[in-house]
Every structure is written in C-alpha cells, then in structure tokens.
Amino acid sequence: PNTFRKARFLSAVDHVQLDRLRLRVMKALDGLFQEIDVLVGPLMTGPM
C-alpha cells in the first residue's frame, strides 16, 4: 500500500531513462556471458 502510493511520485522522464539504463545492463551481462558459460555466487550479495 505505501509502495504503491509512493510510486505516484516517480517521474515519467526518469522511467524512460531507467529503461535506457536497463538496456545498458542487458549489454553488460551479454558481454559477461560472451566470456563465460555460467556465473556462480550468493543470491543476495553483489549485483546479480
């Protein structure tokens, strides 16, 4: 309930920019998996 209310204050412009950031992250992981087949690690630490 509180999260949905707070979301009304998110900027549409920032949302578009986040989508562009998402594409950059897609390219970053694509680059990583060009070098390896599997990445291993803890679930909750790091960026994955």
All heavy atoms as atom14 arrays in JSON, in Angstrom:
{
  "sequence": "PNTFRKARFLSAVDHVQLDRLRLRVMKALDGLFQEIDVLVGPLMTGPM",
  "atom14_mask": [
    [1, 1, 1, 1, 1, 1, 1, 0, 0, 0, 0, 0, 0, 0],
    [1, 1, 1, 1, 1, 1, 1, 1, 0, 0, 0, 0, 0, 0],
    [1, 1, 1, 1, 1, 1, 1, 0, 0, 0, 0, 0, 0, 0],
    [1, 1, 1, 1, 1, 1, 1, 1, 1, 1, 1, 0, 0, 0],
    [1, 1, 1, 1, 1, 1, 1, 1, 1, 1, 1, 0, 0, 0],
    [1, 1, 1, 1, 1, 1, 1, 1, 1, 0, 0, 0, 0, 0],
    [1, 1, 1, 1, 1, 0, 0, 0, 0, 0, 0, 0, 0, 0],
    [1, 1, 1, 1, 1, 1, 1, 1, 1, 1, 1, 0, 0, 0],
    [1, 1, 1, 1, 1, 1, 1, 1, 1, 1, 1, 0, 0, 0],
    [1, 1, 1, 1, 1, 1, 1, 1, 0, 0, 0, 0, 0, 0],
    [1, 1, 1, 1, 1, 1, 0, 0, 0, 0, 0, 0, 0, 0],
    [1, 1, 1, 1, 1, 0, 0, 0, 0, 0, 0, 0, 0, 0],
    [1, 1, 1, 1, 1, 1, 1, 0, 0, 0, 0, 0, 0, 0],
    [1, 1, 1, 1, 1, 1, 1, 1, 0, 0, 0, 0, 0, 0],
    [1, 1, 1, 1, 1, 1, 1, 1, 1, 1, 0, 0, 0, 0],
    [1, 1, 1, 1, 1, 1, 1, 0, 0, 0, 0, 0, 0, 0],
    [1, 1, 1, 1, 1, 1, 1, 1, 1, 0, 0, 0, 0, 0],
    [1, 1, 1, 1, 1, 1, 1, 1, 0, 0, 0, 0, 0, 0],
    [1, 1, 1, 1, 1, 1, 1, 1, 0, 0, 0, 0, 0, 0],
    [1, 1, 1, 1, 1, 1, 1, 1, 1, 1, 1, 0, 0, 0],
    [1, 1, 1, 1, 1, 1, 1, 1, 0, 0, 0, 0, 0, 0],
    [1, 1, 1, 1, 1, 1, 1, 1, 1, 1, 1, 0, 0, 0],
    [1, 1, 1, 1, 1, 1, 1, 1, 0, 0, 0, 0, 0, 0],
    [1, 1, 1, 1, 1, 1, 1, 1, 1, 1, 1, 0, 0, 0],
    [1, 1, 1, 1, 1, 1, 1, 0, 0, 0, 0, 0, 0, 0],
    [1, 1, 1, 1, 1, 1, 1, 1, 0, 0, 0, 0, 0, 0],
    [1, 1, 1, 1, 1, 1, 1, 1, 1, 0, 0, 0, 0, 0],
    [1, 1, 1, 1, 1, 0, 0, 0, 0, 0, 0, 0, 0, 0],
    [1, 1, 1, 1, 1, 1, 1, 1, 0, 0, 0, 0, 0, 0],
    [1, 1, 1, 1, 1, 1, 1, 1, 0, 0, 0, 0, 0, 0],
    [1, 1, 1, 1, 0, 0, 0, 0, 0, 0, 0, 0, 0, 0],
    [1, 1, 1, 1, 1, 1, 1, 1, 0, 0, 0, 0, 0, 0],
    [1, 1, 1, 1, 1, 1, 1, 1, 1, 1, 1, 0, 0, 0],
    [1, 1, 1, 1, 1, 1, 1, 1, 1, 0, 0, 0, 0, 0],
    [1, 1, 1, 1, 1, 1, 1, 1, 1, 0, 0, 0, 0, 0],
    [1, 1, 1, 1, 1, 1, 1, 1, 0, 0, 0, 0, 0, 0],
    [1, 1, 1, 1, 1, 1, 1, 1, 0, 0, 0, 0, 0, 0],
    [1, 1, 1, 1, 1, 1, 1, 0, 0, 0, 0, 0, 0, 0],
    [1, 1, 1, 1, 1, 1, 1, 1, 0, 0, 0, 0, 0, 0],
    [1, 1, 1, 1, 1, 1, 1, 0, 0, 0, 0, 0, 0, 0],
    [1, 1, 1, 1, 0, 0, 0, 0, 0, 0, 0, 0, 0, 0],
    [1, 1, 1, 1, 1, 1, 1, 0, 0, 0, 0, 0, 0, 0],
    [1, 1, 1, 1, 1, 1, 1, 1, 0, 0, 0, 0, 0, 0],
    [1, 1, 1, 1, 1, 1, 1, 1, 0, 0, 0, 0, 0, 0],
    [1, 1, 1, 1, 1, 1, 1, 0, 0, 0, 0, 0, 0, 0],
    [1, 1, 1, 1, 0, 0, 0, 0, 0, 0, 0, 0, 0, 0],
    [1, 1, 1, 1, 1, 1, 1, 0, 0, 0, 0, 0, 0, 0],
    [1, 1, 1, 1, 1, 1, 1, 1, 0, 0, 0, 0, 0, 0]
  ],
  "atom14_positions": [
    [[0.81, -1.23, 0.0], [0.0, 0.0, 0.0], [0.84, 1.27, 0.0], [0.59, 2.19, -0.8], [-0.84, -0.14, 1.28], [-1.0, -1.61, 1.44], [0.33, -2.18, 1.02], [0.0, 0.0, 0.0], [0.0, 0.0, 0.0], [0.0, 0.0, 0.0], [0.0, 0.0, 0.0], [0.0, 0.0, 0.0], [0.0, 0.0, 0.0], [0.0, 0.0, 0.0]],
    [[1.84, 1.33, 0.87], [2.69, 2.52, 0.92], [3.57, 2.62, -0.32], [3.81, 3.72, -0.85], [3.55, 2.51, 2.18], [4.25, 3.82, 2.41], [3.63, 4.88, 2.45], [5.57, 3.77, 2.54], [0.0, 0.0, 0.0], [0.0, 0.0, 0.0], [0.0, 0.0, 0.0], [0.0, 0.0, 0.0], [0.0, 0.0, 0.0], [0.0, 0.0, 0.0]],
    [[4.05, 1.49, -0.81], [4.89, 1.49, -2.01], [4.11, 1.97, -3.23], [4.63, 2.75, -4.05], [5.43, 0.07, -2.26], [6.17, -0.37, -1.12], [6.34, 0.03, -3.48], [0.0, 0.0, 0.0], [0.0, 0.0, 0.0], [0.0, 0.0, 0.0], [0.0, 0.0, 0.0], [0.0, 0.0, 0.0], [0.0, 0.0, 0.0], [0.0, 0.0, 0.0]],
    [[2.85, 1.53, -3.36], [2.02, 1.99, -4.48], [1.78, 3.49, -4.39], [1.77, 4.19, -5.41], [0.67, 1.26, -4.48], [0.76, -0.21, -4.8], [-0.33, -1.05, -4.55], [1.9, -0.78, -5.35], [-0.28, -2.4, -4.84], [1.97, -2.13, -5.65], [0.88, -2.94, -5.39], [0.0, 0.0, 0.0], [0.0, 0.0, 0.0], [0.0, 0.0, 0.0]],
    [[1.57, 3.99, -3.19], [1.33, 5.43, -3.04], [2.6, 6.22, -3.4], [2.53, 7.23, -4.11], [0.91, 5.75, -1.61], [-0.44, 5.17, -1.21], [-0.77, 5.47, 0.25], [-1.72, 4.48, 0.76], [-1.5, 3.71, 1.81], [-0.37, 3.82, 2.5], [-2.42, 2.85, 2.21], [0.0, 0.0, 0.0], [0.0, 0.0, 0.0], [0.0, 0.0, 0.0]],
    [[3.73, 5.77, -2.9], [5.0, 6.46, -3.21], [5.28, 6.47, -4.71], [5.88, 7.42, -5.23], [6.16, 5.78, -2.49], [6.21, 5.98, -1.0], [7.56, 5.55, -0.43], [7.89, 4.12, -0.77], [9.2, 3.68, -0.24], [0.0, 0.0, 0.0], [0.0, 0.0, 0.0], [0.0, 0.0, 0.0], [0.0, 0.0, 0.0], [0.0, 0.0, 0.0]],
    [[4.86, 5.41, -5.4], [5.15, 5.3, -6.83], [4.5, 6.41, -7.64], [4.95, 6.72, -8.74], [4.69, 3.94, -7.36], [0.0, 0.0, 0.0], [0.0, 0.0, 0.0], [0.0, 0.0, 0.0], [0.0, 0.0, 0.0], [0.0, 0.0, 0.0], [0.0, 0.0, 0.0], [0.0, 0.0, 0.0], [0.0, 0.0, 0.0], [0.0, 0.0, 0.0]],
    [[3.44, 7.04, -7.09], [2.8, 8.14, -7.81], [3.75, 9.32, -7.96], [3.53, 10.2, -8.8], [1.54, 8.61, -7.09], [0.57, 7.53, -6.64], [0.0, 6.7, -7.74], [-0.78, 7.43, -8.73], [-1.57, 6.86, -9.63], [-1.69, 5.53, -9.66], [-2.24, 7.58, -10.5], [0.0, 0.0, 0.0], [0.0, 0.0, 0.0], [0.0, 0.0, 0.0]],
    [[4.82, 9.36, -7.15], [5.78, 10.46, -7.23], [6.96, 10.16, -8.14], [7.86, 10.99, -8.28], [6.3, 10.8, -5.82], [5.24, 11.32, -4.89], [4.77, 10.56, -3.84], [4.71, 12.59, -5.08], [3.79, 11.03, -2.98], [3.73, 13.08, -4.23], [3.26, 12.3, -3.17], [0.0, 0.0, 0.0], [0.0, 0.0, 0.0], [0.0, 0.0, 0.0]],
    [[6.96, 8.96, -8.75], [8.04, 8.66, -9.7], [7.86, 9.48, -10.96], [6.75, 9.69, -11.44], [8.04, 7.17, -10.03], [8.41, 6.21, -8.9], [8.16, 4.77, -9.33], [9.86, 6.4, -8.49], [0.0, 0.0, 0.0], [0.0, 0.0, 0.0], [0.0, 0.0, 0.0], [0.0, 0.0, 0.0], [0.0, 0.0, 0.0], [0.0, 0.0, 0.0]],
    [[8.98, 9.92, -11.53], [8.94, 10.74, -12.73], [8.87, 9.86, -13.99], [9.61, 8.88, -14.12], [10.2, 11.61, -12.78], [10.47, 12.05, -14.09], [0.0, 0.0, 0.0], [0.0, 0.0, 0.0], [0.0, 0.0, 0.0], [0.0, 0.0, 0.0], [0.0, 0.0, 0.0], [0.0, 0.0, 0.0], [0.0, 0.0, 0.0], [0.0, 0.0, 0.0]],
    [[7.98, 10.24, -14.9], [7.89, 9.53, -16.18], [9.18, 9.68, -16.98], [9.62, 8.74, -17.67], [6.71, 10.05, -16.99], [0.0, 0.0, 0.0], [0.0, 0.0, 0.0], [0.0, 0.0, 0.0], [0.0, 0.0, 0.0], [0.0, 0.0, 0.0], [0.0, 0.0, 0.0], [0.0, 0.0, 0.0], [0.0, 0.0, 0.0], [0.0, 0.0, 0.0]],
    [[9.81, 10.83, -16.88], [11.09, 11.05, -17.57], [12.14, 10.1, -17.01], [12.89, 9.45, -17.76], [11.53, 12.52, -17.44], [12.92, 12.71, -18.04], [10.53, 13.44, -18.1], [0.0, 0.0, 0.0], [0.0, 0.0, 0.0], [0.0, 0.0, 0.0], [0.0, 0.0, 0.0], [0.0, 0.0, 0.0], [0.0, 0.0, 0.0], [0.0, 0.0, 0.0]],
    [[12.22, 10.01, -15.68], [13.17, 9.09, -15.07], [12.87, 7.65, -15.46], [13.78, 6.83, -15.59], [13.15, 9.23, -13.55], [13.87, 10.48, -13.06], [14.77, 10.95, -13.77], [13.52, 10.98, -11.98], [0.0, 0.0, 0.0], [0.0, 0.0, 0.0], [0.0, 0.0, 0.0], [0.0, 0.0, 0.0], [0.0, 0.0, 0.0], [0.0, 0.0, 0.0]],
    [[11.59, 7.34, -15.63], [11.21, 5.98, -16.01], [11.76, 5.63, -17.39], [12.27, 4.52, -17.6], [9.68, 5.84, -16.0], [9.21, 4.42, -16.06], [9.25, 3.58, -14.97], [8.71, 3.68, -17.08], [8.79, 2.39, -15.31], [8.45, 2.42, -16.59], [0.0, 0.0, 0.0], [0.0, 0.0, 0.0], [0.0, 0.0, 0.0], [0.0, 0.0, 0.0]],
    [[11.66, 6.56, -18.31], [12.24, 6.33, -19.64], [13.75, 6.17, -19.54], [14.35, 5.29, -20.18], [11.88, 7.5, -20.59], [12.63, 7.36, -21.91], [10.38, 7.54, -20.84], [0.0, 0.0, 0.0], [0.0, 0.0, 0.0], [0.0, 0.0, 0.0], [0.0, 0.0, 0.0], [0.0, 0.0, 0.0], [0.0, 0.0, 0.0], [0.0, 0.0, 0.0]],
    [[14.38, 6.98, -18.7], [15.82, 6.87, -18.54], [16.21, 5.54, -17.89], [17.26, 4.96, -18.21], [16.35, 8.05, -17.71], [16.1, 9.43, -18.33], [16.8, 9.6, -19.67], [16.44, 8.99, -20.67], [17.82, 10.45, -19.69], [0.0, 0.0, 0.0], [0.0, 0.0, 0.0], [0.0, 0.0, 0.0], [0.0, 0.0, 0.0], [0.0, 0.0, 0.0]],
    [[15.37, 5.07, -16.98], [15.63, 3.75, -16.39], [15.58, 2.66, -17.44], [16.35, 1.69, -17.4], [14.61, 3.46, -15.28], [14.87, 4.11, -13.93], [13.65, 3.92, -13.02], [16.12, 3.53, -13.27], [0.0, 0.0, 0.0], [0.0, 0.0, 0.0], [0.0, 0.0, 0.0], [0.0, 0.0, 0.0], [0.0, 0.0, 0.0], [0.0, 0.0, 0.0]],
    [[14.66, 2.79, -18.38], [14.57, 1.8, -19.45], [15.83, 1.81, -20.3], [16.31, 0.76, -20.76], [13.34, 2.07, -20.3], [12.9, 0.85, -21.09], [12.85, -0.24, -20.51], [12.62, 1.0, -22.3], [0.0, 0.0, 0.0], [0.0, 0.0, 0.0], [0.0, 0.0, 0.0], [0.0, 0.0, 0.0], [0.0, 0.0, 0.0], [0.0, 0.0, 0.0]],
    [[16.39, 2.98, -20.5], [17.65, 3.08, -21.25], [18.81, 2.49, -20.44], [19.7, 1.82, -20.99], [17.92, 4.54, -21.6], [16.83, 5.15, -22.5], [17.02, 6.63, -22.69], [18.15, 6.9, -23.58], [18.67, 8.11, -23.76], [18.18, 9.15, -23.09], [19.67, 8.27, -24.6], [0.0, 0.0, 0.0], [0.0, 0.0, 0.0], [0.0, 0.0, 0.0]],
    [[18.79, 2.73, -19.11], [19.79, 2.09, -18.25], [19.65, 0.58, -18.3], [20.65, -0.15, -18.33], [19.63, 2.59, -16.81], [20.48, 1.88, -15.75], [21.98, 2.11, -16.01], [20.1, 2.35, -14.35], [0.0, 0.0, 0.0], [0.0, 0.0, 0.0], [0.0, 0.0, 0.0], [0.0, 0.0, 0.0], [0.0, 0.0, 0.0], [0.0, 0.0, 0.0]],
    [[18.43, 0.11, -18.34], [18.18, -1.33, -18.42], [18.84, -1.92, -19.66], [19.43, -3.01, -19.61], [16.67, -1.59, -18.43], [16.27, -3.05, -18.33], [14.76, -3.17, -18.27], [14.3, -4.51, -17.96], [13.04, -4.86, -17.74], [12.09, -3.93, -17.81], [12.71, -6.11, -17.48], [0.0, 0.0, 0.0], [0.0, 0.0, 0.0], [0.0, 0.0, 0.0]],
    [[18.76, -1.23, -20.77], [19.41, -1.7, -21.99], [20.93, -1.77, -21.8], [21.57, -2.72, -22.26], [19.07, -0.79, -23.17], [19.71, -1.16, -24.51], [19.3, -2.56, -24.95], [19.33, -0.14, -25.59], [0.0, 0.0, 0.0], [0.0, 0.0, 0.0], [0.0, 0.0, 0.0], [0.0, 0.0, 0.0], [0.0, 0.0, 0.0], [0.0, 0.0, 0.0]],
    [[21.49, -0.78, -21.11], [22.93, -0.82, -20.87], [23.3, -2.03, -19.99], [24.33, -2.68, -20.2], [23.39, 0.47, -20.2], [24.9, 0.54, -20.05], [25.39, 1.85, -19.48], [25.18, 2.98, -20.39], [25.64, 4.2, -20.17], [26.34, 4.46, -19.07], [25.41, 5.16, -21.04], [0.0, 0.0, 0.0], [0.0, 0.0, 0.0], [0.0, 0.0, 0.0]],
    [[22.44, -2.34, -19.01], [22.68, -3.51, -18.16], [22.57, -4.79, -18.99], [23.35, -5.74, -18.82], [21.7, -3.53, -16.97], [21.85, -4.81, -16.16], [21.93, -2.31, -16.07], [0.0, 0.0, 0.0], [0.0, 0.0, 0.0], [0.0, 0.0, 0.0], [0.0, 0.0, 0.0], [0.0, 0.0, 0.0], [0.0, 0.0, 0.0], [0.0, 0.0, 0.0]],
    [[21.61, -4.84, -19.9], [21.48, -6.0, -20.79], [22.77, -6.21, -21.59], [23.26, -7.34, -21.74], [20.31, -5.81, -21.74], [18.95, -5.84, -21.06], [17.61, -5.22, -22.11], [17.58, -6.44, -23.42], [0.0, 0.0, 0.0], [0.0, 0.0, 0.0], [0.0, 0.0, 0.0], [0.0, 0.0, 0.0], [0.0, 0.0, 0.0], [0.0, 0.0, 0.0]],
    [[23.33, -5.12, -22.08], [24.58, -5.22, -22.85], [25.74, -5.66, -21.95], [26.61, -6.41, -22.38], [24.88, -3.88, -23.51], [23.91, -3.5, -24.61], [24.22, -2.11, -25.19], [23.26, -1.76, -26.31], [23.51, -0.4, -26.86], [0.0, 0.0, 0.0], [0.0, 0.0, 0.0], [0.0, 0.0, 0.0], [0.0, 0.0, 0.0], [0.0, 0.0, 0.0]],
    [[25.73, -5.2, -20.7], [26.79, -5.58, -19.77], [26.78, -7.08, -19.49], [27.82, -7.75, -19.52], [26.65, -4.79, -18.46], [0.0, 0.0, 0.0], [0.0, 0.0, 0.0], [0.0, 0.0, 0.0], [0.0, 0.0, 0.0], [0.0, 0.0, 0.0], [0.0, 0.0, 0.0], [0.0, 0.0, 0.0], [0.0, 0.0, 0.0], [0.0, 0.0, 0.0]],
    [[25.58, -7.63, -19.24], [25.5, -9.07, -18.98], [25.75, -9.89, -20.24], [26.33, -10.98, -20.17], [24.15, -9.43, -18.35], [24.19, -9.54, -16.82], [24.5, -8.21, -16.18], [22.91, -10.13, -16.28], [0.0, 0.0, 0.0], [0.0, 0.0, 0.0], [0.0, 0.0, 0.0], [0.0, 0.0, 0.0], [0.0, 0.0, 0.0], [0.0, 0.0, 0.0]],
    [[25.35, -9.35, -21.38], [25.65, -10.03, -22.64], [27.16, -10.12, -22.83], [27.68, -11.17, -23.24], [25.01, -9.28, -23.8], [25.27, -9.96, -25.14], [24.73, -11.07, -25.34], [26.0, -9.39, -25.96], [0.0, 0.0, 0.0], [0.0, 0.0, 0.0], [0.0, 0.0, 0.0], [0.0, 0.0, 0.0], [0.0, 0.0, 0.0], [0.0, 0.0, 0.0]],
    [[27.85, -9.04, -22.51], [29.31, -9.06, -22.6], [29.93, -10.06, -21.65], [30.88, -10.78, -22.0], [0.0, 0.0, 0.0], [0.0, 0.0, 0.0], [0.0, 0.0, 0.0], [0.0, 0.0, 0.0], [0.0, 0.0, 0.0], [0.0, 0.0, 0.0], [0.0, 0.0, 0.0], [0.0, 0.0, 0.0], [0.0, 0.0, 0.0], [0.0, 0.0, 0.0]],
    [[29.39, -10.13, -20.43], [29.93, -11.08, -19.46], [29.76, -12.51, -19.95], [30.69, -13.32, -19.87], [29.2, -10.88, -18.12], [29.65, -11.75, -16.94], [29.6, -10.97, -15.63], [28.78, -13.01, -16.8], [0.0, 0.0, 0.0], [0.0, 0.0, 0.0], [0.0, 0.0, 0.0], [0.0, 0.0, 0.0], [0.0, 0.0, 0.0], [0.0, 0.0, 0.0]],
    [[28.57, -12.83, -20.49], [28.32, -14.2, -20.93], [28.91, -14.51, -22.31], [28.79, -15.64, -22.79], [26.82, -14.51, -20.9], [26.3, -14.76, -19.5], [25.47, -13.85, -18.86], [26.68, -15.9, -18.81], [25.0, -14.07, -17.58], [26.23, -16.15, -17.53], [25.39, -15.23, -16.9], [0.0, 0.0, 0.0], [0.0, 0.0, 0.0], [0.0, 0.0, 0.0]],
    [[29.57, -13.54, -22.92], [30.4, -13.85, -24.08], [31.69, -14.54, -23.63], [32.31, -15.3, -24.38], [30.75, -12.57, -24.85], [29.57, -11.86, -25.5], [28.94, -12.65, -26.63], [29.61, -13.41, -27.31], [27.64, -12.49, -26.8], [0.0, 0.0, 0.0], [0.0, 0.0, 0.0], [0.0, 0.0, 0.0], [0.0, 0.0, 0.0], [0.0, 0.0, 0.0]],
    [[32.1, -14.28, -22.38], [33.36, -14.8, -21.86], [33.21, -16.06, -21.04], [34.16, -16.84, -20.91], [34.05, -13.72, -21.01], [34.38, -12.44, -21.78], [35.08, -11.43, -20.89], [35.99, -11.84, -20.15], [34.7, -10.25, -20.92], [0.0, 0.0, 0.0], [0.0, 0.0, 0.0], [0.0, 0.0, 0.0], [0.0, 0.0, 0.0], [0.0, 0.0, 0.0]],
    [[32.03, -16.28, -20.45], [31.8, -17.46, -19.63], [30.46, -18.09, -20.0], [29.63, -17.48, -20.65], [31.81, -17.13, -18.11], [30.74, -16.08, -17.79], [33.2, -16.66, -17.67], [30.58, -15.8, -16.3], [0.0, 0.0, 0.0], [0.0, 0.0, 0.0], [0.0, 0.0, 0.0], [0.0, 0.0, 0.0], [0.0, 0.0, 0.0], [0.0, 0.0, 0.0]],
    [[30.27, -19.33, -19.54], [29.01, -20.03, -19.75], [28.09, -19.92, -18.55], [26.86, -19.89, -18.69], [29.27, -21.52, -20.05], [30.18, -21.71, -21.24], [29.85, -21.19, -22.32], [31.22, -22.39, -21.08], [0.0, 0.0, 0.0], [0.0, 0.0, 0.0], [0.0, 0.0, 0.0], [0.0, 0.0, 0.0], [0.0, 0.0, 0.0], [0.0, 0.0, 0.0]],
    [[28.68, -19.92, -17.36], [27.92, -19.91, -16.1], [28.59, -18.96, -15.13], [29.83, -18.94, -15.01], [27.86, -21.33, -15.48], [27.09, -21.3, -14.15], [27.22, -22.32, -16.43], [0.0, 0.0, 0.0], [0.0, 0.0, 0.0], [0.0, 0.0, 0.0], [0.0, 0.0, 0.0], [0.0, 0.0, 0.0], [0.0, 0.0, 0.0], [0.0, 0.0, 0.0]],
    [[27.78, -18.17, -14.43], [28.26, -17.34, -13.32], [27.72, -17.93, -12.04], [26.54, -18.3, -11.97], [27.77, -15.9, -13.48], [28.3, -14.9, -12.45], [29.73, -14.5, -12.78], [27.4, -13.67, -12.37], [0.0, 0.0, 0.0], [0.0, 0.0, 0.0], [0.0, 0.0, 0.0], [0.0, 0.0, 0.0], [0.0, 0.0, 0.0], [0.0, 0.0, 0.0]],
    [[28.55, -18.03, -11.01], [28.1, -18.6, -9.73], [28.3, -17.57, -8.63], [29.17, -16.7, -8.72], [28.86, -19.89, -9.39], [28.62, -20.96, -10.43], [30.37, -19.63, -9.22], [0.0, 0.0, 0.0], [0.0, 0.0, 0.0], [0.0, 0.0, 0.0], [0.0, 0.0, 0.0], [0.0, 0.0, 0.0], [0.0, 0.0, 0.0], [0.0, 0.0, 0.0]],
    [[27.48, -17.68, -7.58], [27.65, -16.77, -6.46], [26.47, -16.79, -5.51], [25.45, -17.45, -5.75], [0.0, 0.0, 0.0], [0.0, 0.0, 0.0], [0.0, 0.0, 0.0], [0.0, 0.0, 0.0], [0.0, 0.0, 0.0], [0.0, 0.0, 0.0], [0.0, 0.0, 0.0], [0.0, 0.0, 0.0], [0.0, 0.0, 0.0], [0.0, 0.0, 0.0]],
    [[26.57, -16.03, -4.42], [25.45, -15.9, -3.49], [24.29, -15.16, -4.16], [24.49, -14.35, -5.06], [26.03, -15.06, -2.34], [27.52, -15.11, -2.51], [27.77, -15.29, -3.98], [0.0, 0.0, 0.0], [0.0, 0.0, 0.0], [0.0, 0.0, 0.0], [0.0, 0.0, 0.0], [0.0, 0.0, 0.0], [0.0, 0.0, 0.0], [0.0, 0.0, 0.0]],
    [[23.09, -15.44, -3.67], [21.91, -14.81, -4.26], [21.8, -13.33, -3.88], [21.48, -12.49, -4.73], [20.65, -15.55, -3.77], [19.31, -14.91, -4.15], [19.11, -14.95, -5.65], [18.17, -15.62, -3.43], [0.0, 0.0, 0.0], [0.0, 0.0, 0.0], [0.0, 0.0, 0.0], [0.0, 0.0, 0.0], [0.0, 0.0, 0.0], [0.0, 0.0, 0.0]],
    [[22.06, -13.02, -2.62], [21.69, -11.71, -2.1], [22.81, -10.69, -2.06], [22.58, -9.53, -1.73], [21.12, -11.86, -0.68], [19.86, -12.69, -0.64], [18.5, -11.93, -1.56], [17.22, -13.15, -1.34], [0.0, 0.0, 0.0], [0.0, 0.0, 0.0], [0.0, 0.0, 0.0], [0.0, 0.0, 0.0], [0.0, 0.0, 0.0], [0.0, 0.0, 0.0]],
    [[24.04, -11.06, -2.36], [25.14, -10.11, -2.37], [25.62, -9.91, -3.8], [25.5, -10.81, -4.64], [26.3, -10.59, -1.49], [26.73, -11.89, -1.93], [25.88, -10.68, -0.03], [0.0, 0.0, 0.0], [0.0, 0.0, 0.0], [0.0, 0.0, 0.0], [0.0, 0.0, 0.0], [0.0, 0.0, 0.0], [0.0, 0.0, 0.0], [0.0, 0.0, 0.0]],
    [[26.16, -8.74, -4.09], [26.55, -8.44, -5.45], [25.36, -7.97, -6.27], [24.23, -7.9, -5.78], [0.0, 0.0, 0.0], [0.0, 0.0, 0.0], [0.0, 0.0, 0.0], [0.0, 0.0, 0.0], [0.0, 0.0, 0.0], [0.0, 0.0, 0.0], [0.0, 0.0, 0.0], [0.0, 0.0, 0.0], [0.0, 0.0, 0.0], [0.0, 0.0, 0.0]],
    [[25.57, -7.67, -7.54], [24.53, -7.04, -8.36], [23.59, -7.99, -9.08], [22.63, -7.56, -9.71], [25.36, -6.27, -9.39], [26.58, -7.11, -9.58], [26.89, -7.7, -8.23], [0.0, 0.0, 0.0], [0.0, 0.0, 0.0], [0.0, 0.0, 0.0], [0.0, 0.0, 0.0], [0.0, 0.0, 0.0], [0.0, 0.0, 0.0], [0.0, 0.0, 0.0]],
    [[23.82, -9.32, -9.01], [23.14, -10.21, -9.94], [21.65, -10.41, -9.67], [20.88, -10.67, -10.59], [23.85, -11.56, -10.0], [25.14, -11.51, -10.82], [24.86, -11.0, -12.55], [24.0, -12.42, -13.2], [0.0, 0.0, 0.0], [0.0, 0.0, 0.0], [0.0, 0.0, 0.0], [0.0, 0.0, 0.0], [0.0, 0.0, 0.0], [0.0, 0.0, 0.0]]
  ]
}
